Amino acid sequence: MFKSSTFISIILAFLIYLGMNNQKVDIVQNPKVPDFSNIIVKSPSESDNVKIDAFDDLSCSDCDDFVKNTLADIRKMGQETNDISLQLYFIPDINNEMNYDAAISLKCASDQGKFWEMLDKIHENKNDLNKKSFLKFGKELEMNTDALQECISEDIYKSAVEADVQYASEKNITFKPSLIINGTYLIGNVPFENIQKVITKSLKDLKKSQIPSPK
């Protein structure tokens, strides 16, 4: 049985999907952006690709599986096709300090090229997180823990995390995990086979749009 609040969230998300299915998605850059190559899978020409926004947090029941399996498959497909731009937004509960610190830690880990590895560590240990945990993960990942600690303690990416939360709000993301693929909303931990169909169709539409019109 669904709790009433969860059921309402799902209904709202579905209505949003129906109403915004054809909406163009614009990628919002964070106020301060270092080398986010570990977060974004880029195609050679970012203006001519399929744009995917993925939304994740630590409180949803399906997000662990989404990160471990579904998201990994999407990344692999993106690397193989070379026509996909993937942006992951880790949206913490702003009332949960540890979730918020986890989002900060991910931004800091990206500075050292360890975003995806840190994401896996956080999801694998989400029931036992504290500020020492993030440094422990950093050490296990052979990161510069002094730089990591400084980055986390000085809240360098506080505004960037807040921008991600705002972006999710603007896109009416109330249920996670969720995906937006060229304006198409996929709510919940959708099977990769279904996601693949949407991506494949988007790639076909993209290639059609690139064919010069006959004179």
Protein backbone atom coordinates (compact mmCIF):
# COMPACT_ATOMS: atom_id res chain seq x y z
CA MET A 1 0.00 0.00 0.00
CA PHE A 2 1.24 3.51 -0.83
CA LYS A 3 1.14 6.15 1.84
CA SER A 4 -1.20 8.94 0.84
CA SER A 5 1.58 11.53 0.45
CA THR A 6 3.59 9.19 -1.76
CA PHE A 7 0.55 8.40 -3.87
CA ILE A 8 -0.22 12.09 -4.32
CA SER A 9 3.41 12.76 -5.31
CA ILE A 10 3.23 10.04 -7.95
CA ILE A 11 -0.04 11.38 -9.35
CA LEU A 12 1.37 14.92 -9.48
CA ALA A 13 4.53 13.70 -11.16
CA PHE A 14 2.48 11.81 -13.74
CA LEU A 15 0.36 14.87 -14.45
CA ILE A 16 3.52 16.93 -14.84
CA TYR A 17 4.84 14.32 -17.26
CA LEU A 18 1.70 14.53 -19.35
CA GLY A 19 1.66 18.30 -19.38
CA MET A 20 5.34 18.92 -20.01
CA ASN A 21 6.22 16.03 -22.31
CA ASN A 22 7.17 18.32 -25.18
CA GLN A 23 8.88 21.01 -23.18
CA LYS A 24 12.43 21.88 -24.20
CA VAL A 25 14.93 21.32 -21.40
CA ASP A 26 17.62 23.93 -20.92
CA ILE A 27 20.70 22.92 -18.96
CA VAL A 28 21.43 25.33 -16.11
CA GLN A 29 25.07 25.82 -15.24
CA ASN A 30 26.09 26.01 -11.60
CA PRO A 31 27.44 29.35 -10.31
CA LYS A 32 30.93 27.87 -9.97
CA VAL A 33 31.80 24.99 -12.26
CA PRO A 34 35.16 23.20 -12.16
CA ASP A 35 35.99 20.32 -14.49
CA PHE A 36 32.77 18.34 -14.33
CA SER A 37 33.92 15.74 -16.85
CA ASN A 38 33.13 13.04 -14.31
CA ILE A 39 29.55 14.22 -14.05
CA ILE A 40 28.74 14.99 -17.65
CA VAL A 41 29.11 12.60 -20.56
CA LYS A 42 29.55 15.02 -23.45
CA SER A 43 29.22 14.53 -27.15
CA PRO A 44 31.62 16.40 -29.49
CA SER A 45 28.95 19.02 -30.25
CA GLU A 46 26.76 19.75 -27.23
CA SER A 47 24.21 21.57 -29.37
CA ASP A 48 23.60 18.44 -31.47
CA ASN A 49 22.92 15.73 -28.94
CA VAL A 50 20.35 14.11 -26.69
CA LYS A 51 20.29 15.87 -23.32
CA ILE A 52 19.53 13.80 -20.24
CA ASP A 53 18.97 15.20 -16.77
CA ALA A 54 19.00 12.61 -13.98
CA PHE A 55 17.77 13.40 -10.46
CA ASP A 56 18.93 11.41 -7.44
CA ASP A 57 18.88 11.62 -3.64
CA LEU A 58 19.44 9.42 -0.59
CA SER A 59 15.89 9.28 0.73
CA CYS A 60 14.13 7.48 -2.14
CA SER A 61 13.79 3.71 -1.92
CA ASP A 62 14.81 3.05 -5.53
CA CYS A 63 17.72 5.46 -5.88
CA ASP A 64 20.36 2.94 -4.80
CA ASP A 65 19.40 0.54 -7.57
CA PHE A 66 19.02 3.45 -9.99
CA VAL A 67 22.62 4.57 -9.39
CA LYS A 68 24.14 1.10 -9.35
CA ASN A 69 22.37 -0.31 -12.41
CA THR A 70 20.16 2.04 -14.43
CA LEU A 71 22.44 5.06 -14.34
CA ALA A 72 25.48 2.91 -15.07
CA ASP A 73 23.75 1.57 -18.19
CA ILE A 74 22.84 5.09 -19.32
CA ARG A 75 26.44 6.23 -18.89
CA LYS A 76 27.68 3.24 -20.87
CA MET A 77 25.24 3.97 -23.68
CA GLY A 78 26.32 7.60 -23.68
CA GLN A 79 29.96 6.66 -23.98
CA GLU A 80 29.19 4.24 -26.82
CA THR A 81 26.95 6.50 -28.89
CA ASN A 82 28.91 9.73 -28.35
CA ASP A 83 25.68 11.67 -28.96
CA ILE A 84 24.45 12.01 -25.39
CA SER A 85 25.00 14.67 -22.72
CA LEU A 86 24.22 13.36 -19.23
CA GLN A 87 23.93 15.61 -16.17
CA LEU A 88 23.28 14.10 -12.76
CA TYR A 89 21.65 16.33 -10.15
CA PHE A 90 22.02 15.03 -6.62
CA ILE A 91 19.09 16.74 -4.86
CA PRO A 92 19.38 16.50 -1.07
CA ASP A 93 16.66 17.06 1.48
CA ILE A 94 17.62 20.57 2.61
CA ASN A 95 16.32 19.71 6.09
CA ASN A 96 18.69 16.75 6.37
CA GLU A 97 22.19 17.98 7.17
CA MET A 98 23.98 14.77 6.23
CA ASN A 99 22.23 14.53 2.86
CA TYR A 100 23.18 18.13 2.22
CA ASP A 101 26.79 17.44 3.20
CA ALA A 102 26.77 14.42 0.89
CA ALA A 103 25.80 16.69 -2.01
CA ILE A 104 28.62 19.07 -1.09
CA SER A 105 31.07 16.15 -0.89
CA LEU A 106 30.09 14.99 -4.37
CA LYS A 107 30.86 18.42 -5.80
CA CYS A 108 34.20 18.39 -4.00
CA ALA A 109 35.00 14.87 -5.18
CA SER A 110 34.38 15.96 -8.76
CA ASP A 111 37.31 18.38 -8.41
CA GLN A 112 39.55 15.35 -8.08
CA GLY A 113 37.87 13.26 -10.77
CA LYS A 114 36.15 10.96 -8.28
CA PHE A 115 32.50 11.99 -8.61
CA TRP A 116 31.07 8.63 -9.66
CA GLU A 117 33.21 6.70 -7.19
CA MET A 118 32.11 8.96 -4.34
CA LEU A 119 28.48 8.65 -5.45
CA ASP A 120 28.74 4.85 -5.20
CA LYS A 121 30.36 5.10 -1.75
CA ILE A 122 27.62 7.41 -0.47
CA HIS A 123 24.79 5.19 -1.70
CA GLU A 124 26.46 2.04 -0.38
CA ASN A 125 26.82 3.60 3.09
CA LYS A 126 23.82 5.94 3.19
CA ASN A 127 22.65 4.67 6.61
CA ASP A 128 25.97 5.48 8.22
CA LEU A 129 26.99 8.90 6.94
CA ASN A 130 28.78 11.66 8.78
CA LYS A 131 31.48 14.18 7.91
CA LYS A 132 34.19 11.70 8.84
CA SER A 133 32.68 9.19 6.44
CA PHE A 134 33.25 11.43 3.44
CA LEU A 135 36.92 11.82 4.33
CA LYS A 136 37.15 8.06 4.87
CA PHE A 137 35.68 7.49 1.42
CA GLY A 138 38.14 10.00 0.00
CA LYS A 139 41.06 8.13 1.54
CA GLU A 140 39.76 4.81 0.19
CA LEU A 141 39.49 6.42 -3.25
CA GLU A 142 43.08 7.72 -2.98
CA MET A 143 41.96 11.35 -3.03
CA ASN A 144 43.77 14.31 -1.51
CA THR A 145 41.89 14.24 1.78
CA ASP A 146 43.28 17.60 2.94
CA ALA A 147 41.85 19.29 -0.13
CA LEU A 148 38.61 17.34 0.27
CA GLN A 149 38.24 18.36 3.90
CA GLU A 150 38.93 22.00 3.07
CA CYS A 151 36.40 21.95 0.25
CA ILE A 152 33.69 20.41 2.45
CA SER A 153 34.33 22.59 5.51
CA GLU A 154 34.41 25.86 3.61
CA ASP A 155 31.08 25.20 1.83
CA ILE A 156 32.61 26.14 -1.52
CA TYR A 157 29.76 24.46 -3.35
CA LYS A 158 26.88 25.50 -1.11
CA SER A 159 25.48 27.84 -3.77
CA ALA A 160 25.93 25.16 -6.45
CA VAL A 161 23.90 22.63 -4.44
CA GLU A 162 21.22 25.26 -3.85
CA ALA A 163 21.17 25.94 -7.60
CA ASP A 164 20.62 22.21 -8.27
CA VAL A 165 17.71 22.14 -5.81
CA GLN A 166 16.22 25.22 -7.48
CA TYR A 167 16.66 23.68 -10.92
CA ALA A 168 14.82 20.53 -9.85
CA SER A 169 12.02 22.70 -8.47
CA GLU A 170 11.77 24.65 -11.74
CA LYS A 171 11.43 21.36 -13.61
CA ASN A 172 8.76 20.20 -11.15
CA ILE A 173 10.79 17.21 -10.00
CA THR A 174 8.96 15.98 -6.90
CA PHE A 175 9.74 12.29 -7.18
CA LYS A 176 13.14 10.64 -7.43
CA PRO A 177 14.75 9.00 -9.22
CA SER A 178 13.54 10.81 -12.33
CA LEU A 179 14.89 11.50 -15.80
CA ILE A 180 14.25 14.19 -18.38
CA ILE A 181 15.32 13.06 -21.85
CA ASN A 182 14.98 15.87 -24.38
CA GLY A 183 11.87 17.06 -22.57
CA THR A 184 10.36 13.61 -21.94
CA TYR A 185 9.81 12.89 -18.25
CA LEU A 186 10.45 9.38 -16.90
CA ILE A 187 9.35 9.17 -13.28
CA GLY A 188 10.74 6.57 -10.89
CA ASN A 189 13.25 3.79 -11.45
CA VAL A 190 12.08 3.01 -14.97
CA PRO A 191 13.55 -0.21 -16.50
CA PHE A 192 16.56 0.57 -18.65
CA GLU A 193 14.90 -1.10 -21.65
CA ASN A 194 12.22 1.61 -21.59
CA ILE A 195 14.79 4.36 -21.13
CA GLN A 196 16.82 2.96 -24.01
CA LYS A 197 13.76 3.18 -26.28
CA VAL A 198 13.29 6.87 -25.45
CA ILE A 199 17.00 7.61 -26.01
CA THR A 200 17.04 5.67 -29.28
CA LYS A 201 13.98 7.53 -30.55
CA SER A 202 15.55 10.84 -29.52
CA LEU A 203 18.75 9.93 -31.36
CA LYS A 204 16.76 9.06 -34.50
CA ASP A 205 14.83 12.34 -34.28
CA LEU A 206 18.13 14.16 -33.83
CA LYS A 207 19.67 12.58 -36.92
CA LYS A 208 16.53 13.36 -38.96
CA SER A 209 16.72 17.00 -37.93
CA GLN A 210 20.33 17.15 -39.14
CA ILE A 211 19.50 15.96 -42.68
CA PRO A 212 19.56 19.02 -45.01
CA SER A 213 16.21 19.86 -46.56
CA PRO A 214 16.11 19.30 -50.35
CA LYS A 215 16.41 22.53 -52.32
